[in-house]
PDB file of N, CA and C in Angstrom:
ATOM      1  N   MET A   1      78.574 111.021  85.734  1.00  0.00           N
ATOM      2  CA  MET A   1      79.511 110.081  86.031  1.00  0.00           C
ATOM      3  C   MET A   1      79.007 109.712  87.463  1.00  0.00           C
ATOM      4  N   HIS A   2      79.061 108.278  87.760  1.00  0.00           N
ATOM      5  CA  HIS A   2      78.789 107.703  88.895  1.00  0.00           C
ATOM      6  C   HIS A   2      79.916 106.855  89.537  1.00  0.00           C
ATOM      7  N   PHE A   3      80.135 107.070  90.792  1.00  0.00           N
ATOM      8  CA  PHE A   3      81.331 106.379  91.412  1.00  0.00           C
ATOM      9  C   PHE A   3      80.607 105.544  92.375  1.00  0.00           C
ATOM     10  N   SER A   4      81.132 104.403  92.567  1.00  0.00           N
ATOM     11  CA  SER A   4      80.693 103.323  93.479  1.00  0.00           C
ATOM     12  C   SER A   4      81.901 102.951  94.361  1.00  0.00           C
ATOM     13  N   PHE A   5      81.734 103.241  95.717  1.00  0.00           N
ATOM     14  CA  PHE A   5      82.932 102.826  96.687  1.00  0.00           C
ATOM     15  C   PHE A   5      82.433 101.825  97.669  1.00  0.00           C
ATOM     16  N   LYS A   6      82.253 100.541  97.052  1.00  0.00           N
ATOM     17  CA  LYS A   6      81.653  99.413  97.866  1.00  0.00           C
ATOM     18  C   LYS A   6      82.803  98.286  97.867  1.00  0.00           C
ATOM     19  N   PRO A   7      83.831  98.500  98.586  1.00  0.00           N
ATOM     20  CA  PRO A   7      84.875  97.461  98.594  1.00  0.00           C
ATOM     21  C   PRO A   7      84.424  96.272  99.375  1.00  0.00           C
ATOM     22  N   PHE A   8      85.154  95.092  99.003  1.00  0.00           N
ATOM     23  CA  PHE A   8      84.925  93.915  99.869  1.00  0.00           C
ATOM     24  C   PHE A   8      85.088  94.189 101.347  1.00  0.00           C
ATOM     25  N   SER A   9      84.188  93.709 102.274  1.00  0.00           N
ATOM     26  CA  SER A   9      84.252  94.155 103.626  1.00  0.00           C
ATOM     27  C   SER A   9      84.501  92.810 104.384  1.00  0.00           C
ATOM     28  N   PRO A  10      85.745  92.573 104.798  1.00  0.00           N
ATOM     29  CA  PRO A  10      86.039  91.511 105.623  1.00  0.00           C
ATOM     30  C   PRO A  10      85.445  91.741 107.034  1.00  0.00           C
ATOM     31  N   PHE A  11      85.167  92.980 107.391  1.00  0.00           N
ATOM     32  CA  PHE A  11      84.662  93.240 108.668  1.00  0.00           C
ATOM     33  C   PHE A  11      83.158  92.600 108.977  1.00  0.00           C
ATOM     34  N   SER A  12      82.439  92.843 108.009  1.00  0.00           N
ATOM     35  CA  SER A  12      81.061  92.383 108.102  1.00  0.00           C
ATOM     36  C   SER A  12      80.860  90.979 108.601  1.00  0.00           C
ATOM     37  N   ASN A  13      81.421  90.032 107.854  1.00  0.00           N
ATOM     38  CA  ASN A  13      81.180  88.631 108.250  1.00  0.00           C
ATOM     39  C   ASN A  13      82.365  88.051 109.089  1.00  0.00           C
ATOM     40  N   PHE A  14      83.491  87.892 108.542  1.00  0.00           N
ATOM     41  CA  PHE A  14      84.587  87.174 109.165  1.00  0.00           C
ATOM     42  C   PHE A  14      84.904  87.681 110.361  1.00  0.00           C
ATOM     43  N   THR A  15      85.113  89.053 110.504  1.00  0.00           N
ATOM     44  CA  THR A  15      85.623  89.728 111.825  1.00  0.00           C
ATOM     45  C   THR A  15      84.649  89.564 112.880  1.00  0.00           C
ATOM     46  N   GLN A  16      83.350  89.954 112.638  1.00  0.00           N
ATOM     47  CA  GLN A  16      82.441  89.841 113.651  1.00  0.00           C
ATOM     48  C   GLN A  16      82.207  88.419 114.178  1.00  0.00           C
ATOM     49  N   GLU A  17      82.078  87.408 113.261  1.00  0.00           N
ATOM     50  CA  GLU A  17      81.777  86.072 113.496  1.00  0.00           C
ATOM     51  C   GLU A  17      83.097  85.370 114.250  1.00  0.00           C
ATOM     52  N   SER A  18      84.356  85.876 113.944  1.00  0.00           N
ATOM     53  CA  SER A  18      85.484  85.290 114.442  1.00  0.00           C
ATOM     54  C   SER A  18      86.246  86.076 115.545  1.00  0.00           C
ATOM     55  N   TRP A  19      85.580  87.021 115.973  1.00  0.00           N
ATOM     56  CA  TRP A  19      86.247  88.098 116.817  1.00  0.00           C
ATOM     57  C   TRP A  19      86.753  87.220 118.227  1.00  0.00           C
ATOM     58  N   GLU A  20      86.017  86.468 118.733  1.00  0.00           N
ATOM     59  CA  GLU A  20      86.486  85.722 119.940  1.00  0.00           C
ATOM     60  C   GLU A  20      87.616  84.956 119.689  1.00  0.00           C
ATOM     61  N   HIS A  21      87.671  84.116 118.597  1.00  0.00           N
ATOM     62  CA  HIS A  21      88.707  83.396 118.109  1.00  0.00           C
ATOM     63  C   HIS A  21      89.990  84.241 117.781  1.00  0.00           C
ATOM     64  N   LEU A  22      89.774  85.339 117.286  1.00  0.00           N
ATOM     65  CA  LEU A  22      90.908  86.259 116.878  1.00  0.00           C
ATOM     66  C   LEU A  22      91.549  86.775 118.151  1.00  0.00           C
ATOM     67  N   THR A  23      90.675  87.162 119.099  1.00  0.00           N
ATOM     68  CA  THR A  23      91.289  87.723 120.205  1.00  0.00           C
ATOM     69  C   THR A  23      92.076  86.680 121.107  1.00  0.00           C
ATOM     70  N   LYS A  24      91.447  85.428 121.077  1.00  0.00           N
ATOM     71  CA  LYS A  24      92.164  84.278 121.786  1.00  0.00           C
ATOM     72  C   LYS A  24      93.555  83.962 121.232  1.00  0.00           C
ATOM     73  N   THR A  25      93.530  84.035 119.754  1.00  0.00           N
ATOM     74  CA  THR A  25      94.780  83.656 119.052  1.00  0.00           C
ATOM     75  C   THR A  25      95.752  84.685 119.123  1.00  0.00           C
ATOM     76  N   TYR A  26      95.416  86.037 118.949  1.00  0.00           N
ATOM     77  CA  TYR A  26      96.401  87.016 118.896  1.00  0.00           C
ATOM     78  C   TYR A  26      96.555  87.949 120.168  1.00  0.00           C
ATOM     79  N   GLY A  27      95.595  87.680 121.000  1.00  0.00           N
ATOM     80  CA  GLY A  27      95.624  88.358 122.467  1.00  0.00           C
ATOM     81  C   GLY A  27      95.671  89.794 122.302  1.00  0.00           C
ATOM     82  N   SER A  28      96.531  90.558 123.024  1.00  0.00           N
ATOM     83  CA  SER A  28      96.513  91.857 123.055  1.00  0.00           C
ATOM     84  C   SER A  28      97.883  92.544 122.456  1.00  0.00           C
ATOM     85  N   GLY A  29      98.461  91.676 121.623  1.00  0.00           N
ATOM     86  CA  GLY A  29      99.651  92.163 120.955  1.00  0.00           C
ATOM     87  C   GLY A  29      99.549  92.863 119.703  1.00  0.00           C
ATOM     88  N   LEU A  30     100.661  93.059 119.072  1.00  0.00           N
ATOM     89  CA  LEU A  30     100.665  93.848 117.860  1.00  0.00           C
ATOM     90  C   LEU A  30      99.840  93.341 116.739  1.00  0.00           C
ATOM     91  N   MET A  31      99.742  92.040 116.650  1.00  0.00           N
ATOM     92  CA  MET A  31      98.891  91.483 115.449  1.00  0.00           C
ATOM     93  C   MET A  31      97.441  91.941 115.639  1.00  0.00           C
ATOM     94  N   ILE A  32      96.934  92.047 116.689  1.00  0.00           N
ATOM     95  CA  ILE A  32      95.419  92.317 116.795  1.00  0.00           C
ATOM     96  C   ILE A  32      95.272  93.882 116.365  1.00  0.00           C
ATOM     97  N   THR A  33      96.127  94.678 116.898  1.00  0.00           N
ATOM     98  CA  THR A  33      96.036  96.082 116.596  1.00  0.00           C
ATOM     99  C   THR A  33      96.286  96.369 115.018  1.00  0.00           C
ATOM    100  N   TRP A  34      97.311  95.575 114.407  1.00  0.00           N
ATOM    101  CA  TRP A  34      97.501  95.640 112.968  1.00  0.00           C
ATOM    102  C   TRP A  34      96.224  95.269 112.254  1.00  0.00           C
ATOM    103  N   PHE A  35      95.638  94.095 112.767  1.00  0.00           N
ATOM    104  CA  PHE A  35      94.447  93.486 112.028  1.00  0.00           C
ATOM    105  C   PHE A  35      93.258  94.589 112.060  1.00  0.00           C
ATOM    106  N   VAL A  36      93.044  95.260 113.234  1.00  0.00           N
ATOM    107  CA  VAL A  36      92.031  96.185 113.375  1.00  0.00           C
ATOM    108  C   VAL A  36      92.230  97.413 112.432  1.00  0.00           C
ATOM    109  N   SER A  37      93.460  97.748 112.387  1.00  0.00           N
ATOM    110  CA  SER A  37      93.918  98.961 111.514  1.00  0.00           C
ATOM    111  C   SER A  37      93.747  98.581 110.001  1.00  0.00           C
ATOM    112  N   ALA A  38      94.208  97.412 109.584  1.00  0.00           N
ATOM    113  CA  ALA A  38      94.043  96.908 108.275  1.00  0.00           C
ATOM    114  C   ALA A  38      92.540  96.679 107.774  1.00  0.00           C
ATOM    115  N   VAL A  39      91.773  96.286 108.664  1.00  0.00           N
ATOM    116  CA  VAL A  39      90.272  96.043 108.346  1.00  0.00           C
ATOM    117  C   VAL A  39      89.529  97.294 108.372  1.00  0.00           C
ATOM    118  N   VAL A  40      89.759  98.177 109.284  1.00  0.00           N
ATOM    119  CA  VAL A  40      88.852  99.309 109.518  1.00  0.00           C
ATOM    120  C   VAL A  40      89.284 100.562 108.786  1.00  0.00           C
ATOM    121  N   SER A  41      90.548 100.872 108.656  1.00  0.00           N
ATOM    122  CA  SER A  41      90.973 102.129 107.914  1.00  0.00           C
ATOM    123  C   SER A  41      90.572 102.323 106.479  1.00  0.00           C
ATOM    124  N   PRO A  42      90.518 101.276 105.842  1.00  0.00           N
ATOM    125  CA  PRO A  42      90.119 101.339 104.422  1.00  0.00           C
ATOM    126  C   PRO A  42      88.683 101.750 104.111  1.00  0.00           C
ATOM    127  N   PHE A  43      87.805 101.630 105.110  1.00  0.00           N
ATOM    128  CA  PHE A  43      86.405 101.871 104.794  1.00  0.00           C
ATOM    129  C   PHE A  43      86.230 103.380 104.363  1.00  0.00           C
ATOM    130  N   ALA A  44      85.109 103.578 103.577  1.00  0.00           N
ATOM    131  CA  ALA A  44      84.891 104.856 103.165  1.00  0.00           C
ATOM    132  C   ALA A  44      83.370 105.249 103.089  1.00  0.00           C
ATOM    133  N   SER A  45      82.805 104.893 104.153  1.00  0.00           N
ATOM    134  CA  SER A  45      81.302 105.146 104.378  1.00  0.00           C
ATOM    135  C   SER A  45      81.155 105.388 105.881  1.00  0.00           C
ATOM    136  N   PHE A  46      80.216 106.429 106.116  1.00  0.00           N
ATOM    137  CA  PHE A  46      79.909 106.776 107.499  1.00  0.00           C
ATOM    138  C   PHE A  46      79.083 105.507 108.130  1.00  0.00           C
ATOM    139  N   GLU A  47      78.245 104.854 107.417  1.00  0.00           N
ATOM    140  CA  GLU A  47      77.559 103.690 107.848  1.00  0.00           C
ATOM    141  C   GLU A  47      78.342 102.554 108.440  1.00  0.00           C
ATOM    142  N   LYS A  48      79.553 102.374 107.587  1.00  0.00           N
ATOM    143  CA  LYS A  48      80.404 101.266 107.968  1.00  0.00           C
ATOM    144  C   LYS A  48      81.174 101.608 109.169  1.00  0.00           C
ATOM    145  N   ALA A  49      81.656 103.014 109.298  1.00  0.00           N
ATOM    146  CA  ALA A  49      82.348 103.368 110.361  1.00  0.00           C
ATOM    147  C   ALA A  49      81.348 103.220 111.669  1.00  0.00           C
ATOM    148  N   LYS A  50      80.124 103.551 111.508  1.00  0.00           N
ATOM    149  CA  LYS A  50      79.168 103.404 112.597  1.00  0.00           C
ATOM    150  C   LYS A  50      78.958 102.005 112.983  1.00  0.00           C
ATOM    151  N   GLU A  51      79.009 101.057 111.960  1.00  0.00           N
ATOM    152  CA  GLU A  51      78.807  99.678 112.336  1.00  0.00           C
ATOM    153  C   GLU A  51      79.920  99.230 113.167  1.00  0.00           C
ATOM    154  N   VAL A  52      81.228  99.509 112.705  1.00  0.00           N
ATOM    155  CA  VAL A  52      82.367  99.293 113.467  1.00  0.00           C
ATOM    156  C   VAL A  52      82.464  99.685 114.920  1.00  0.00           C
ATOM    157  N   GLU A  53      82.005 100.994 115.065  1.00  0.00           N
ATOM    158  CA  GLU A  53      82.029 101.599 116.358  1.00  0.00           C
ATOM    159  C   GLU A  53      80.938 100.887 117.271  1.00  0.00           C
ATOM    160  N   GLU A  54      79.833 100.546 116.755  1.00  0.00           N
ATOM    161  CA  GLU A  54      78.846  99.822 117.514  1.00  0.00           C
ATOM    162  C   GLU A  54      79.276  98.414 117.971  1.00  0.00           C
ATOM    163  N   PHE A  55      79.931  97.800 117.022  1.00  0.00           N
ATOM    164  CA  PHE A  55      80.491  96.468 117.430  1.00  0.00           C
ATOM    165  C   PHE A  55      81.401  96.430 118.390  1.00  0.00           C
ATOM    166  N   PHE A  56      82.399  97.503 118.371  1.00  0.00           N
ATOM    167  CA  PHE A  56      83.301  97.347 119.414  1.00  0.00           C
ATOM    168  C   PHE A  56      82.901  98.141 120.724  1.00  0.00           C
ATOM    169  N   ALA A  57      81.735  98.660 120.619  1.00  0.00           N
ATOM    170  CA  ALA A  57      81.095  99.186 121.923  1.00  0.00           C
ATOM    171  C   ALA A  57      81.009  98.190 122.849  1.00  0.00           C
ATOM    172  N   SER A  58      80.630  96.934 122.280  1.00  0.00           N
ATOM    173  CA  SER A  58      80.358  95.738 123.238  1.00  0.00           C
ATOM    174  C   SER A  58      81.505  94.682 123.167  1.00  0.00           C
ATOM    175  N   HIS A  59      82.489  95.028 122.466  1.00  0.00           N
ATOM    176  CA  HIS A  59      83.769  94.143 122.340  1.00  0.00           C
ATOM    177  C   HIS A  59      84.959  95.028 122.620  1.00  0.00           C
ATOM    178  N   ALA A  60      84.929  95.853 123.555  1.00  0.00           N
ATOM    179  CA  ALA A  60      86.026  96.704 123.935  1.00  0.00           C
ATOM    180  C   ALA A  60      87.279  95.966 124.426  1.00  0.00           C
ATOM    181  N   MET A  61      88.420  96.422 123.937  1.00  0.00           N
ATOM    182  CA  MET A  61      89.749  96.038 124.407  1.00  0.00           C
ATOM    183  C   MET A  61      90.733  97.154 124.536  1.00  0.00           C
ATOM    184  N   PRO A  62      91.143  97.486 125.713  1.00  0.00           N
ATOM    185  CA  PRO A  62      91.951  98.650 125.958  1.00  0.00           C
ATOM    186  C   PRO A  62      93.353  98.611 124.994  1.00  0.00           C
ATOM    187  N   CYS A  63      93.827  97.478 124.598  1.00  0.00           N
ATOM    188  CA  CYS A  63      95.008  97.425 123.773  1.00  0.00           C
ATOM    189  C   CYS A  63      94.618  97.912 122.307  1.00  0.00           C
ATOM    190  N   ILE A  64      93.452  97.953 121.845  1.00  0.00           N
ATOM    191  CA  ILE A  64      93.152  98.379 120.454  1.00  0.00           C
ATOM    192  C   ILE A  64      92.457  99.801 120.548  1.00  0.00           C
ATOM    193  N   ALA A  65      92.234 100.303 121.758  1.00  0.00           N
ATOM    194  CA  ALA A  65      91.460 101.463 121.738  1.00  0.00           C
ATOM    195  C   ALA A  65      91.951 102.671 120.732  1.00  0.00           C
ATOM    196  N   ARG A  66      93.308 102.939 121.090  1.00  0.00           N
ATOM    197  CA  ARG A  66      93.926 104.052 120.211  1.00  0.00           C
ATOM    198  C   ARG A  66      93.824 103.648 118.707  1.00  0.00           C
ATOM    199  N   THR A  67      94.280 102.504 118.406  1.00  0.00           N
ATOM    200  CA  THR A  67      94.159 102.050 117.080  1.00  0.00           C
ATOM    201  C   THR A  67      92.804 102.058 116.327  1.00  0.00           C
ATOM    202  N   LEU A  68      91.870 101.761 117.105  1.00  0.00           N
ATOM    203  CA  LEU A  68      90.445 101.679 116.762  1.00  0.00           C
ATOM    204  C   LEU A  68      89.986 103.227 116.489  1.00  0.00           C
ATOM    205  N   ARG A  69      90.290 104.008 117.341  1.00  0.00           N
ATOM    206  CA  ARG A  69      89.999 105.455 117.270  1.00  0.00           C
ATOM    207  C   ARG A  69      90.681 105.985 115.922  1.00  0.00           C
ATOM    208  N   GLN A  70      91.916 105.835 115.863  1.00  0.00           N
ATOM    209  CA  GLN A  70      92.621 106.249 114.549  1.00  0.00           C
ATOM    210  C   GLN A  70      92.030 105.708 113.263  1.00  0.00           C
ATOM    211  N   SER A  71      91.635 104.477 113.362  1.00  0.00           N
ATOM    212  CA  SER A  71      91.228 103.719 112.055  1.00  0.00           C
ATOM    213  C   SER A  71      89.765 104.249 111.685  1.00  0.00           C
ATOM    214  N   LEU A  72      88.949 104.596 112.773  1.00  0.00           N
ATOM    215  CA  LEU A  72      87.496 105.118 112.577  1.00  0.00           C
ATOM    216  C   LEU A  72      87.736 106.538 112.047  1.00  0.00           C
ATOM    217  N   GLU A  73      88.769 107.361 112.467  1.00  0.00           N
ATOM    218  CA  GLU A  73      88.937 108.751 112.026  1.00  0.00           C
ATOM    219  C   GLU A  73      89.357 108.527 110.612  1.00  0.00           C
ATOM    220  N   ARG A  74      90.242 107.590 110.083  1.00  0.00           N
ATOM    221  CA  ARG A  74      90.617 107.451 108.717  1.00  0.00           C
ATOM    222  C   ARG A  74      89.296 107.071 107.981  1.00  0.00           C
ATOM    223  N   ALA A  75      88.651 106.093 108.471  1.00  0.00           N
ATOM    224  CA  ALA A  75      87.373 105.811 107.706  1.00  0.00           C
ATOM    225  C   ALA A  75      86.399 106.947 107.426  1.00  0.00           C
ATOM    226  N   ASN A  76      86.352 107.805 108.460  1.00  0.00           N
ATOM    227  CA  ASN A  76      85.497 108.980 108.338  1.00  0.00           C
ATOM    228  C   ASN A  76      86.009 109.983 107.401  1.00  0.00           C
ATOM    229  N   ILE A  77      87.393 110.186 107.390  1.00  0.00           N
ATOM    230  CA  ILE A  77      87.980 111.093 106.387  1.00  0.00           C
ATOM    231  C   ILE A  77      87.820 110.488 104.936  1.00  0.00           C
ATOM    232  N   ASN A  78      87.926 109.130 104.840  1.00  0.00           N
ATOM    233  CA  ASN A  78      87.645 108.605 103.505  1.00  0.00           C
ATOM    234  C   ASN A  78      86.198 108.769 103.183  1.00  0.00           C
ATOM    235  N   ALA A  79      85.309 108.622 103.999  1.00  0.00           N
ATOM    236  CA  ALA A  79      83.795 108.808 103.678  1.00  0.00           C
ATOM    237  C   ALA A  79      83.575 110.311 103.223  1.00  0.00           C
ATOM    238  N   LYS A  80      84.246 111.285 103.926  1.00  0.00           N
ATOM    239  CA  LYS A  80      83.998 112.661 103.511  1.00  0.00           C
ATOM    240  C   LYS A  80      84.542 112.922 102.034  1.00  0.00           C
ATOM    241  N   TRP A  81      85.768 112.206 101.877  1.00  0.00           N
ATOM    242  CA  TRP A  81      86.419 112.379 100.501  1.00  0.00           C
ATOM    243  C   TRP A  81      85.467 111.825  99.469  1.00  0.00           C
ATOM    244  N   VAL A  82      84.826 110.608  99.748  1.00  0.00           N
ATOM    245  CA  VAL A  82      83.883 110.017  98.822  1.00  0.00           C
ATOM    246  C   VAL A  82      82.710 110.915  98.564  1.00  0.00           C
ATOM    247  N   GLN A  83      82.207 111.456  99.654  1.00  0.00           N
ATOM    248  CA  GLN A  83      80.982 112.362  99.573  1.00  0.00           C
ATOM    249  C   GLN A  83      81.312 113.651  98.737  1.00  0.00           C
ATOM    250  N   SER A  84      82.429 114.096  98.873  1.00  0.00           N
ATOM    251  CA  SER A  84      82.981 115.313  98.006  1.00  0.00           C
ATOM    252  C   SER A  84      83.002 114.986  96.557  1.00  0.00           C
ATOM    253  N   VAL A  85      83.630 113.848  96.278  1.00  0.00           N
ATOM    254  CA  VAL A  85      83.749 113.375  94.947  1.00  0.00           C
ATOM    255  C   VAL A  85      82.370 113.134  94.359  1.00  0.00           C
ATOM    256  N   GLN A  86      81.518 112.531  95.118  1.00  0.00           N
ATOM    257  CA  GLN A  86      80.067 112.302  94.522  1.00  0.00           C
ATOM    258  C   GLN A  86      79.238 113.603  94.286  1.00  0.00           C
ATOM    259  N   ASN A  87      79.626 114.571  95.119  1.00  0.00           N
ATOM    260  CA  ASN A  87      78.949 115.890  94.982  1.00  0.00           C
ATOM    261  C   ASN A  87      79.549 116.834  93.886  1.00  0.00           C
ATOM    262  N   GLU A  88      80.730 116.317  93.416  1.00  0.00           N
ATOM    263  CA  GLU A  88      81.361 117.251  92.285  1.00  0.00           C
ATOM    264  C   GLU A  88      80.718 116.988  91.013  1.00  0.00           C
ATOM    265  N   ASN A  89      79.984 118.101  90.600  1.00  0.00           N
ATOM    266  CA  ASN A  89      79.288 118.068  89.314  1.00  0.00           C
ATOM    267  C   ASN A  89      80.110 117.969  88.108  1.00  0.00           C
ATOM    268  N   GLU A  90      81.244 118.597  88.051  1.00  0.00           N
ATOM    269  CA  GLU A  90      82.061 118.789  87.042  1.00  0.00           C
ATOM    270  C   GLU A  90      83.153 117.693  86.865  1.00  0.00           C
ATOM    271  N   LEU A  91      83.206 116.839  87.766  1.00  0.00           N
ATOM    272  CA  LEU A  91      84.191 115.815  87.861  1.00  0.00           C
ATOM    273  C   LEU A  91      84.214 114.920  86.466  1.00  0.00           C
ATOM    274  N   GLY A  92      83.148 114.629  86.089  1.00  0.00           N
ATOM    275  CA  GLY A  92      82.991 113.714  84.860  1.00  0.00           C
ATOM    276  C   GLY A  92      83.516 114.498  83.671  1.00  0.00           C
ATOM    277  N   ASP A  93      83.231 115.757  83.526  1.00  0.00           N
ATOM    278  CA  ASP A  93      83.821 116.514  82.438  1.00  0.00           C
ATOM    279  C   ASP A  93      85.337 116.673  82.443  1.00  0.00           C
ATOM    280  N   ALA A  94      85.854 116.845  83.577  1.00  0.00           N
ATOM    281  CA  ALA A  94      87.242 117.081  83.920  1.00  0.00           C
ATOM    282  C   ALA A  94      88.027 115.711  83.562  1.00  0.00           C
ATOM    283  N   VAL A  95      87.390 114.546  83.833  1.00  0.00           N
ATOM    284  CA  VAL A  95      87.975 113.149  83.514  1.00  0.00           C
ATOM    285  C   VAL A  95      87.917 112.965  82.003  1.00  0.00           C
ATOM    286  N   LYS A  96      86.896 113.248  81.393  1.00  0.00           N
ATOM    287  CA  LYS A  96      86.757 113.185  79.829  1.00  0.00           C
ATOM    288  C   LYS A  96      87.885 114.156  79.309  1.00  0.00           C
ATOM    289  N   GLU A  97      87.990 115.290  79.739  1.00  0.00           N
ATOM    290  CA  GLU A  97      88.783 116.270  79.109  1.00  0.00           C
ATOM    291  C   GLU A  97      90.447 115.665  79.113  1.00  0.00           C
ATOM    292  N   LEU A  98      90.630 115.308  80.474  1.00  0.00           N
ATOM    293  CA  LEU A  98      92.031 114.794  80.774  1.00  0.00           C
ATOM    294  C   LEU A  98      92.321 113.505  79.834  1.00  0.00           C
ATOM    295  N   THR A  99      91.318 112.679  79.724  1.00  0.00           N
ATOM    296  CA  THR A  99      91.435 111.452  79.003  1.00  0.00           C
ATOM    297  C   THR A  99      91.783 111.826  77.564  1.00  0.00           C
ATOM    298  N   GLN A 100      91.180 112.758  77.000  1.00  0.00           N
ATOM    299  CA  GLN A 100      91.237 113.153  75.500  1.00  0.00           C
ATOM    300  C   GLN A 100      92.580 113.702  75.398  1.00  0.00           C
ATOM    301  N   LYS A 101      93.069 114.467  76.422  1.00  0.00           N
ATOM    302  CA  LYS A 101      94.380 115.141  76.308  1.00  0.00           C
ATOM    303  C   LYS A 101      95.496 113.990  76.307  1.00  0.00           C
ATOM    304  N   ILE A 102      95.253 113.049  77.255  1.00  0.00           N
ATOM    305  CA  ILE A 102      96.358 112.017  77.315  1.00  0.00           C
ATOM    306  C   ILE A 102      96.225 111.080  76.128  1.00  0.00           C
ATOM    307  N   LEU A 103      95.198 110.753  75.528  1.00  0.00           N
ATOM    308  CA  LEU A 103      95.077 110.002  74.341  1.00  0.00           C
ATOM    309  C   LEU A 103      95.597 110.686  73.228  1.00  0.00           C
ATOM    310  N   GLY A 104      95.391 111.918  73.119  1.00  0.00           N
ATOM    311  CA  GLY A 104      95.969 112.858  72.036  1.00  0.00           C
ATOM    312  C   GLY A 104      97.546 112.768  72.109  1.00  0.00           C
ATOM    313  N   TYR A 105      98.038 113.045  73.285  1.00  0.00           N
ATOM    314  CA  TYR A 105      99.511 113.072  73.541  1.00  0.00           C
ATOM    315  C   TYR A 105      99.955 111.762  73.151  1.00  0.00           C
ATOM    316  N   CYS A 106      99.393 110.623  73.572  1.00  0.00           N
ATOM    317  CA  CYS A 106      99.886 109.181  73.213  1.00  0.00           C
ATOM    318  C   CYS A 106     100.014 109.025  71.647  1.00  0.00           C
ATOM    319  N   LEU A 107      98.862 109.503  70.917  1.00  0.00           N
ATOM    320  CA  LEU A 107      98.886 109.374  69.511  1.00  0.00           C
ATOM    321  C   LEU A 107      99.976 110.145  68.919  1.00  0.00           C
ATOM    322  N   LEU A 108     100.262 111.298  69.409  1.00  0.00           N
ATOM    323  CA  LEU A 108     101.256 112.178  68.917  1.00  0.00           C
ATOM    324  C   LEU A 108     102.682 111.415  69.118  1.00  0.00           C
ATOM    325  N   GLN A 109     102.873 110.724  70.186  1.00  0.00           N
ATOM    326  CA  GLN A 109     104.031 109.978  70.308  1.00  0.00           C
ATOM    327  C   GLN A 109     104.211 108.804  69.408  1.00  0.00           C
ATOM    328  N   ILE A 110     103.216 108.281  69.005  1.00  0.00           N
ATOM    329  CA  ILE A 110     103.243 107.098  68.019  1.00  0.00           C
ATOM    330  C   ILE A 110     103.489 107.625  66.702  1.00  0.00           C
ATOM    331  N   ILE A 111     103.006 108.760  66.306  1.00  0.00           N
ATOM    332  CA  ILE A 111     103.122 109.208  64.856  1.00  0.00           C
ATOM    333  C   ILE A 111     104.492 109.635  64.681  1.00  0.00           C
TER     334      ILE A 111
END
């Protein structure tokens, strides 16, 4: 069984290209910290976390430092989880077995 964890990445294009506009528009308030958290936290790859870290190394803002650190930590936790799922050899068999049990249960409920 193969899992693909490649979600849409608003960070790659929009955020990097519009960062100056975003910081001028939202300044150092709650909106910019919320935006950083919402965009960075869902990532699930070490590569994407590194890309974000490199971008913000040259676009540092003290008001988002803590949020950025927490969001990168969440992205790295997600990446570790993805890595463990991808390395799980018996996961496919477990999913098939559970699916068969659920379908069997549903059929019994219909009959």
